[in-house]
Full PDB file with SEQRES, HELIX, SHEET, SSBOND, CRYST1, ORIGX, SCALE, CONECT and MASTER records, all heavy atoms in Angstrom:
SEQRES   1 A   33  LEU GLY TYR ALA VAL TYR ARG GLU ALA VAL GLY ASN ARG          
SEQRES   2 A   33  GLY ALA GLY SER LEU ILE GLN ALA LEU GLY MET SER GLY          
SEQRES   3 A   33  SER SER SER LEU HIS PRO THR                                  
HELIX    1 AA1 TYR A    6  ALA A    9  1                                   4    
HELIX    2 AA2 SER A   27  SER A   29  5                                   3    
CRYST1    1.000    1.000    1.000  90.00  90.00  90.00 P 1           1          
ORIGX1      1.000000  0.000000  0.000000        0.00000                         
ORIGX2      0.000000  1.000000  0.000000        0.00000                         
ORIGX3      0.000000  0.000000  1.000000        0.00000                         
SCALE1      1.000000  0.000000  0.000000        0.00000                         
SCALE2      0.000000  1.000000  0.000000        0.00000                         
SCALE3      0.000000  0.000000  1.000000        0.00000                         
ATOM      1  N   LEU A   1      -6.641-101.607  59.871  1.00  0.00           N  
ATOM      2  CA  LEU A   1      -7.383-101.847  58.607  1.00  0.00           C  
ATOM      3  C   LEU A   1      -8.775-101.452  58.730  1.00  0.00           C  
ATOM      4  O   LEU A   1      -9.648-101.465  57.851  1.00  0.00           O  
ATOM      5  CB  LEU A   1      -7.199-103.277  58.091  1.00  0.00           C  
ATOM      6  CG  LEU A   1      -5.863-103.598  57.703  1.00  0.00           C  
ATOM      7  CD1 LEU A   1      -5.804-105.100  57.429  1.00  0.00           C  
ATOM      8  CD2 LEU A   1      -5.477-102.843  56.426  1.00  0.00           C  
ATOM      9  N   GLY A   2      -9.295-101.122  59.958  1.00  0.00           N  
ATOM     10  CA  GLY A   2     -10.665-100.705  60.308  1.00  0.00           C  
ATOM     11  C   GLY A   2     -11.562-101.907  60.430  1.00  0.00           C  
ATOM     12  O   GLY A   2     -12.736-101.662  60.282  1.00  0.00           O  
ATOM     13  N   TYR A   3     -11.150-103.008  60.780  1.00  0.00           N  
ATOM     14  CA  TYR A   3     -11.957-104.273  60.881  1.00  0.00           C  
ATOM     15  C   TYR A   3     -12.473-104.465  62.388  1.00  0.00           C  
ATOM     16  O   TYR A   3     -13.537-105.101  62.555  1.00  0.00           O  
ATOM     17  CB  TYR A   3     -11.140-105.498  60.458  1.00  0.00           C  
ATOM     18  CG  TYR A   3     -10.843-105.532  59.006  1.00  0.00           C  
ATOM     19  CD1 TYR A   3      -9.680-106.001  58.633  1.00  0.00           C  
ATOM     20  CD2 TYR A   3     -11.649-104.998  58.080  1.00  0.00           C  
ATOM     21  CE1 TYR A   3      -9.216-106.048  57.132  1.00  0.00           C  
ATOM     22  CE2 TYR A   3     -11.313-105.015  56.680  1.00  0.00           C  
ATOM     23  CZ  TYR A   3     -10.130-105.506  56.315  1.00  0.00           C  
ATOM     24  OH  TYR A   3      -9.804-105.532  55.020  1.00  0.00           O  
ATOM     25  N   ALA A   4     -11.788-103.939  63.387  1.00  0.00           N  
ATOM     26  CA  ALA A   4     -12.193-104.190  64.653  1.00  0.00           C  
ATOM     27  C   ALA A   4     -11.606-103.189  65.710  1.00  0.00           C  
ATOM     28  O   ALA A   4     -10.639-102.574  65.483  1.00  0.00           O  
ATOM     29  CB  ALA A   4     -11.818-105.583  65.124  1.00  0.00           C  
ATOM     30  N   VAL A   5     -12.347-102.965  66.793  1.00  0.00           N  
ATOM     31  CA  VAL A   5     -11.920-102.178  67.881  1.00  0.00           C  
ATOM     32  C   VAL A   5     -10.701-103.051  68.601  1.00  0.00           C  
ATOM     33  O   VAL A   5     -10.924-104.228  68.752  1.00  0.00           O  
ATOM     34  CB  VAL A   5     -13.041-101.725  68.858  1.00  0.00           C  
ATOM     35  CG1 VAL A   5     -12.476-101.077  70.106  1.00  0.00           C  
ATOM     36  CG2 VAL A   5     -14.023-100.905  68.104  1.00  0.00           C  
ATOM     37  N   TYR A   6      -9.801-102.347  69.166  1.00  0.00           N  
ATOM     38  CA  TYR A   6      -8.548-102.981  69.634  1.00  0.00           C  
ATOM     39  C   TYR A   6      -9.002-103.988  70.774  1.00  0.00           C  
ATOM     40  O   TYR A   6      -8.506-105.121  70.768  1.00  0.00           O  
ATOM     41  CB  TYR A   6      -7.562-102.008  70.122  1.00  0.00           C  
ATOM     42  CG  TYR A   6      -6.288-102.738  70.664  1.00  0.00           C  
ATOM     43  CD1 TYR A   6      -5.482-103.308  69.777  1.00  0.00           C  
ATOM     44  CD2 TYR A   6      -6.019-102.830  72.012  1.00  0.00           C  
ATOM     45  CE1 TYR A   6      -4.248-103.993  70.197  1.00  0.00           C  
ATOM     46  CE2 TYR A   6      -4.853-103.439  72.508  1.00  0.00           C  
ATOM     47  CZ  TYR A   6      -3.947-103.975  71.568  1.00  0.00           C  
ATOM     48  OH  TYR A   6      -2.809-104.680  71.965  1.00  0.00           O  
ATOM     49  N   ARG A   7      -9.785-103.620  71.673  1.00  0.00           N  
ATOM     50  CA  ARG A   7     -10.039-104.451  72.841  1.00  0.00           C  
ATOM     51  C   ARG A   7     -10.862-105.722  72.405  1.00  0.00           C  
ATOM     52  O   ARG A   7     -10.852-106.719  73.046  1.00  0.00           O  
ATOM     53  CB  ARG A   7     -10.837-103.691  73.949  1.00  0.00           C  
ATOM     54  CG  ARG A   7     -10.060-102.777  74.657  1.00  0.00           C  
ATOM     55  CD  ARG A   7     -10.644-102.276  75.974  1.00  0.00           C  
ATOM     56  NE  ARG A   7      -9.623-101.475  76.645  1.00  0.00           N  
ATOM     57  CZ  ARG A   7      -8.761-101.825  77.533  1.00  0.00           C  
ATOM     58  NH1 ARG A   7      -8.690-103.201  77.718  1.00  0.00           N  
ATOM     59  NH2 ARG A   7      -7.969-100.986  78.048  1.00  0.00           N  
ATOM     60  N   GLU A   8     -11.525-105.593  71.285  1.00  0.00           N  
ATOM     61  CA  GLU A   8     -12.283-106.780  70.755  1.00  0.00           C  
ATOM     62  C   GLU A   8     -11.219-107.715  70.014  1.00  0.00           C  
ATOM     63  O   GLU A   8     -11.223-108.820  70.044  1.00  0.00           O  
ATOM     64  CB  GLU A   8     -13.326-106.311  69.779  1.00  0.00           C  
ATOM     65  CG  GLU A   8     -14.138-107.435  69.224  1.00  0.00           C  
ATOM     66  CD  GLU A   8     -15.261-106.947  68.105  1.00  0.00           C  
ATOM     67  OE1 GLU A   8     -15.095-105.788  67.788  1.00  0.00           O  
ATOM     68  OE2 GLU A   8     -16.220-107.564  67.953  1.00  0.00           O  
ATOM     69  N   ALA A   9     -10.274-106.961  69.229  1.00  0.00           N  
ATOM     70  CA  ALA A   9      -9.375-107.720  68.378  1.00  0.00           C  
ATOM     71  C   ALA A   9      -8.413-108.493  69.152  1.00  0.00           C  
ATOM     72  O   ALA A   9      -7.962-109.565  68.720  1.00  0.00           O  
ATOM     73  CB  ALA A   9      -8.622-106.703  67.549  1.00  0.00           C  
ATOM     74  N   VAL A  10      -8.004-108.000  70.358  1.00  0.00           N  
ATOM     75  CA  VAL A  10      -7.012-108.802  71.113  1.00  0.00           C  
ATOM     76  C   VAL A  10      -7.588-109.982  71.634  1.00  0.00           C  
ATOM     77  O   VAL A  10      -6.930-110.870  72.186  1.00  0.00           O  
ATOM     78  CB  VAL A  10      -6.439-107.954  72.259  1.00  0.00           C  
ATOM     79  CG1 VAL A  10      -5.683-106.807  71.688  1.00  0.00           C  
ATOM     80  CG2 VAL A  10      -7.573-107.392  73.231  1.00  0.00           C  
ATOM     81  N   GLY A  11      -8.967-110.085  71.797  1.00  0.00           N  
ATOM     82  CA  GLY A  11      -9.532-111.327  72.210  1.00  0.00           C  
ATOM     83  C   GLY A  11      -9.733-112.404  71.194  1.00  0.00           C  
ATOM     84  O   GLY A  11     -10.208-113.544  71.494  1.00  0.00           O  
ATOM     85  N   ASN A  12      -9.457-112.148  69.878  1.00  0.00           N  
ATOM     86  CA  ASN A  12      -9.645-113.101  68.927  1.00  0.00           C  
ATOM     87  C   ASN A  12      -8.509-114.070  68.819  1.00  0.00           C  
ATOM     88  O   ASN A  12      -7.391-113.847  69.333  1.00  0.00           O  
ATOM     89  CB  ASN A  12      -9.706-112.387  67.523  1.00  0.00           C  
ATOM     90  CG  ASN A  12     -10.901-111.444  67.396  1.00  0.00           C  
ATOM     91  OD1 ASN A  12     -11.930-111.662  68.035  1.00  0.00           O  
ATOM     92  ND2 ASN A  12     -10.730-110.361  66.411  1.00  0.00           N  
ATOM     93  N   ARG A  13      -8.874-115.316  68.315  1.00  0.00           N  
ATOM     94  CA  ARG A  13      -7.819-116.364  68.188  1.00  0.00           C  
ATOM     95  C   ARG A  13      -6.670-115.919  67.357  1.00  0.00           C  
ATOM     96  O   ARG A  13      -6.785-115.361  66.264  1.00  0.00           O  
ATOM     97  CB  ARG A  13      -8.450-117.622  67.651  1.00  0.00           C  
ATOM     98  CG  ARG A  13      -7.568-118.803  67.573  1.00  0.00           C  
ATOM     99  CD  ARG A  13      -8.301-120.010  66.995  1.00  0.00           C  
ATOM    100  NE  ARG A  13      -7.469-121.210  66.897  1.00  0.00           N  
ATOM    101  CZ  ARG A  13      -6.689-121.478  65.904  1.00  0.00           C  
ATOM    102  NH1 ARG A  13      -6.769-120.581  64.672  1.00  0.00           N  
ATOM    103  NH2 ARG A  13      -5.903-122.494  65.767  1.00  0.00           N  
ATOM    104  N   GLY A  14      -5.503-116.109  67.872  1.00  0.00           N  
ATOM    105  CA  GLY A  14      -4.199-115.739  67.078  1.00  0.00           C  
ATOM    106  C   GLY A  14      -3.873-114.241  67.105  1.00  0.00           C  
ATOM    107  O   GLY A  14      -3.101-113.774  66.350  1.00  0.00           O  
ATOM    108  N   ALA A  15      -4.609-113.526  67.991  1.00  0.00           N  
ATOM    109  CA  ALA A  15      -4.452-111.946  68.053  1.00  0.00           C  
ATOM    110  C   ALA A  15      -3.016-111.583  68.250  1.00  0.00           C  
ATOM    111  O   ALA A  15      -2.525-110.623  67.725  1.00  0.00           O  
ATOM    112  CB  ALA A  15      -5.402-111.436  69.192  1.00  0.00           C  
ATOM    113  N   GLY A  16      -2.220-112.380  69.054  1.00  0.00           N  
ATOM    114  CA  GLY A  16      -0.836-112.023  69.385  1.00  0.00           C  
ATOM    115  C   GLY A  16       0.177-112.517  68.381  1.00  0.00           C  
ATOM    116  O   GLY A  16       1.360-112.329  68.569  1.00  0.00           O  
ATOM    117  N   SER A  17      -0.258-113.181  67.270  1.00  0.00           N  
ATOM    118  CA  SER A  17       0.546-113.722  66.216  1.00  0.00           C  
ATOM    119  C   SER A  17       1.239-112.534  65.502  1.00  0.00           C  
ATOM    120  O   SER A  17       0.662-111.463  65.176  1.00  0.00           O  
ATOM    121  CB  SER A  17      -0.139-114.516  65.171  1.00  0.00           C  
ATOM    122  OG  SER A  17      -0.782-115.621  65.777  1.00  0.00           O  
ATOM    123  N   LEU A  18       2.586-112.640  65.502  1.00  0.00           N  
ATOM    124  CA  LEU A  18       3.385-111.508  64.876  1.00  0.00           C  
ATOM    125  C   LEU A  18       3.342-111.455  63.340  1.00  0.00           C  
ATOM    126  O   LEU A  18       3.225-112.577  62.646  1.00  0.00           O  
ATOM    127  CB  LEU A  18       4.881-111.586  65.251  1.00  0.00           C  
ATOM    128  CG  LEU A  18       5.114-111.545  66.761  1.00  0.00           C  
ATOM    129  CD1 LEU A  18       6.661-111.541  67.070  1.00  0.00           C  
ATOM    130  CD2 LEU A  18       4.461-110.169  67.421  1.00  0.00           C  
ATOM    131  N   ILE A  19       3.367-110.344  62.770  1.00  0.00           N  
ATOM    132  CA  ILE A  19       3.266-110.287  61.346  1.00  0.00           C  
ATOM    133  C   ILE A  19       4.742-109.975  60.846  1.00  0.00           C  
ATOM    134  O   ILE A  19       4.973-109.970  59.634  1.00  0.00           O  
ATOM    135  CB  ILE A  19       2.327-109.178  60.795  1.00  0.00           C  
ATOM    136  CG1 ILE A  19       2.783-107.811  61.393  1.00  0.00           C  
ATOM    137  CG2 ILE A  19       0.827-109.485  61.117  1.00  0.00           C  
ATOM    138  CD1 ILE A  19       1.925-106.727  60.792  1.00  0.00           C  
ATOM    139  N   GLN A  20       5.638-109.752  61.631  1.00  0.00           N  
ATOM    140  CA  GLN A  20       7.124-109.626  61.214  1.00  0.00           C  
ATOM    141  C   GLN A  20       8.040-109.695  62.404  1.00  0.00           C  
ATOM    142  O   GLN A  20       7.647-109.326  63.610  1.00  0.00           O  
ATOM    143  CB  GLN A  20       7.238-108.366  60.561  1.00  0.00           C  
ATOM    144  CG  GLN A  20       7.186-107.039  61.236  1.00  0.00           C  
ATOM    145  CD  GLN A  20       7.711-105.842  60.580  1.00  0.00           C  
ATOM    146  OE1 GLN A  20       8.190-105.999  59.325  1.00  0.00           O  
ATOM    147  NE2 GLN A  20       7.496-104.576  61.087  1.00  0.00           N  
ATOM    148  N   ALA A  21       9.205-110.087  62.177  1.00  0.00           N  
ATOM    149  CA  ALA A  21      10.256-110.154  63.203  1.00  0.00           C  
ATOM    150  C   ALA A  21      11.556-110.326  62.431  1.00  0.00           C  
ATOM    151  O   ALA A  21      11.659-110.702  61.298  1.00  0.00           O  
ATOM    152  CB  ALA A  21      10.266-111.413  64.116  1.00  0.00           C  
ATOM    153  N   LEU A  22      12.716-110.046  63.061  1.00  0.00           N  
ATOM    154  CA  LEU A  22      14.026-110.018  62.388  1.00  0.00           C  
ATOM    155  C   LEU A  22      14.311-111.526  61.987  1.00  0.00           C  
ATOM    156  O   LEU A  22      14.200-112.399  62.756  1.00  0.00           O  
ATOM    157  CB  LEU A  22      15.086-109.554  63.256  1.00  0.00           C  
ATOM    158  CG  LEU A  22      15.066-108.088  63.587  1.00  0.00           C  
ATOM    159  CD1 LEU A  22      16.318-107.657  64.333  1.00  0.00           C  
ATOM    160  CD2 LEU A  22      14.816-107.157  62.392  1.00  0.00           C  
ATOM    161  N   GLY A  23      14.896-111.704  60.844  1.00  0.00           N  
ATOM    162  CA  GLY A  23      15.390-113.066  60.419  1.00  0.00           C  
ATOM    163  C   GLY A  23      14.415-113.908  59.624  1.00  0.00           C  
ATOM    164  O   GLY A  23      14.880-115.000  59.237  1.00  0.00           O  
ATOM    165  N   MET A  24      13.139-113.592  59.591  1.00  0.00           N  
ATOM    166  CA  MET A  24      12.245-114.423  58.865  1.00  0.00           C  
ATOM    167  C   MET A  24      12.446-114.485  57.401  1.00  0.00           C  
ATOM    168  O   MET A  24      12.143-115.402  56.708  1.00  0.00           O  
ATOM    169  CB  MET A  24      10.740-113.996  59.226  1.00  0.00           C  
ATOM    170  CG  MET A  24      10.461-114.148  60.650  1.00  0.00           C  
ATOM    171  SD  MET A  24      10.509-115.923  61.303  1.00  0.00           S  
ATOM    172  CE  MET A  24      12.050-115.831  61.989  1.00  0.00           C  
ATOM    173  N   SER A  25      12.925-113.331  56.749  1.00  0.00           N  
ATOM    174  CA  SER A  25      13.168-113.273  55.312  1.00  0.00           C  
ATOM    175  C   SER A  25      14.069-112.034  55.019  1.00  0.00           C  
ATOM    176  O   SER A  25      14.535-111.476  56.157  1.00  0.00           O  
ATOM    177  CB  SER A  25      11.824-113.075  54.579  1.00  0.00           C  
ATOM    178  OG  SER A  25      11.209-111.862  55.061  1.00  0.00           O  
ATOM    179  N   GLY A  26      14.364-111.831  53.896  1.00  0.00           N  
ATOM    180  CA  GLY A  26      15.320-110.790  53.464  1.00  0.00           C  
ATOM    181  C   GLY A  26      14.778-109.241  53.930  1.00  0.00           C  
ATOM    182  O   GLY A  26      13.547-109.239  54.177  1.00  0.00           O  
ATOM    183  N   SER A  27      15.733-108.405  54.170  1.00  0.00           N  
ATOM    184  CA  SER A  27      15.346-107.050  54.548  1.00  0.00           C  
ATOM    185  C   SER A  27      14.485-106.222  53.638  1.00  0.00           C  
ATOM    186  O   SER A  27      13.832-105.357  54.055  1.00  0.00           O  
ATOM    187  CB  SER A  27      16.612-106.205  54.954  1.00  0.00           C  
ATOM    188  OG  SER A  27      17.509-106.172  53.731  1.00  0.00           O  
ATOM    189  N   SER A  28      14.333-106.689  52.274  1.00  0.00           N  
ATOM    190  CA  SER A  28      13.411-105.997  51.427  1.00  0.00           C  
ATOM    191  C   SER A  28      12.015-106.132  51.841  1.00  0.00           C  
ATOM    192  O   SER A  28      11.257-105.248  51.394  1.00  0.00           O  
ATOM    193  CB  SER A  28      13.685-106.549  50.072  1.00  0.00           C  
ATOM    194  OG  SER A  28      13.345-107.957  49.920  1.00  0.00           O  
ATOM    195  N   SER A  29      11.653-107.147  52.626  1.00  0.00           N  
ATOM    196  CA  SER A  29      10.384-107.377  53.097  1.00  0.00           C  
ATOM    197  C   SER A  29      10.164-107.052  54.522  1.00  0.00           C  
ATOM    198  O   SER A  29       9.091-107.238  55.150  1.00  0.00           O  
ATOM    199  CB  SER A  29       9.841-108.711  52.794  1.00  0.00           C  
ATOM    200  OG  SER A  29      10.724-109.698  53.428  1.00  0.00           O  
ATOM    201  N   LEU A  30      11.137-106.308  55.119  1.00  0.00           N  
ATOM    202  CA  LEU A  30      11.100-105.853  56.527  1.00  0.00           C  
ATOM    203  C   LEU A  30      10.811-104.428  56.715  1.00  0.00           C  
ATOM    204  O   LEU A  30      11.298-103.660  55.942  1.00  0.00           O  
ATOM    205  CB  LEU A  30      12.422-106.169  57.234  1.00  0.00           C  
ATOM    206  CG  LEU A  30      12.401-105.979  58.838  1.00  0.00           C  
ATOM    207  CD1 LEU A  30      11.734-107.051  59.480  1.00  0.00           C  
ATOM    208  CD2 LEU A  30      13.992-105.884  59.295  1.00  0.00           C  
ATOM    209  N   HIS A  31       9.954-104.084  57.586  1.00  0.00           N  
ATOM    210  CA  HIS A  31       9.445-102.699  57.772  1.00  0.00           C  
ATOM    211  C   HIS A  31       9.542-102.309  59.161  1.00  0.00           C  
ATOM    212  O   HIS A  31       8.472-102.258  59.913  1.00  0.00           O  
ATOM    213  CB  HIS A  31       8.022-102.515  57.283  1.00  0.00           C  
ATOM    214  CG  HIS A  31       7.784-102.892  55.833  1.00  0.00           C  
ATOM    215  ND1 HIS A  31       8.293-102.179  54.827  1.00  0.00           N  
ATOM    216  CD2 HIS A  31       7.240-104.046  55.345  1.00  0.00           C  
ATOM    217  CE1 HIS A  31       7.957-102.831  53.666  1.00  0.00           C  
ATOM    218  NE2 HIS A  31       7.315-103.856  53.960  1.00  0.00           N  
ATOM    219  N   PRO A  32      10.775-101.921  59.685  1.00  0.00           N  
ATOM    220  CA  PRO A  32      10.895-101.547  61.074  1.00  0.00           C  
ATOM    221  C   PRO A  32      10.091-100.173  61.295  1.00  0.00           C  
ATOM    222  O   PRO A  32      10.004 -99.516  60.287  1.00  0.00           O  
ATOM    223  CB  PRO A  32      12.397-101.356  61.268  1.00  0.00           C  
ATOM    224  CG  PRO A  32      12.927-101.206  59.922  1.00  0.00           C  
ATOM    225  CD  PRO A  32      12.030-101.988  59.053  1.00  0.00           C  
ATOM    226  N   THR A  33       9.720 -99.811  62.489  1.00  0.00           N  
ATOM    227  CA  THR A  33       9.066 -98.604  62.696  1.00  0.00           C  
ATOM    228  C   THR A  33      10.110 -97.804  63.596  1.00  0.00           C  
ATOM    229  O   THR A  33      10.491 -98.218  64.645  1.00  0.00           O  
ATOM    230  CB  THR A  33       7.812 -98.820  63.525  1.00  0.00           C  
ATOM    231  OG1 THR A  33       6.906 -99.622  62.771  1.00  0.00           O  
ATOM    232  CG2 THR A  33       7.174 -97.538  63.876  1.00  0.00           C  
TER     233      THR A  33                                                      
MASTER        0    0    0    2    0    0    0    6  232    1    0    3          
END                                                                             
């Protein structure tokens, strides 16, 4: 999104929190890469 450089972003609180995983909701809101 253009908010931070990666090495800075990974040091922020909650940086490793996932934004998606299998099973959290229906597949209509899932975006596999």
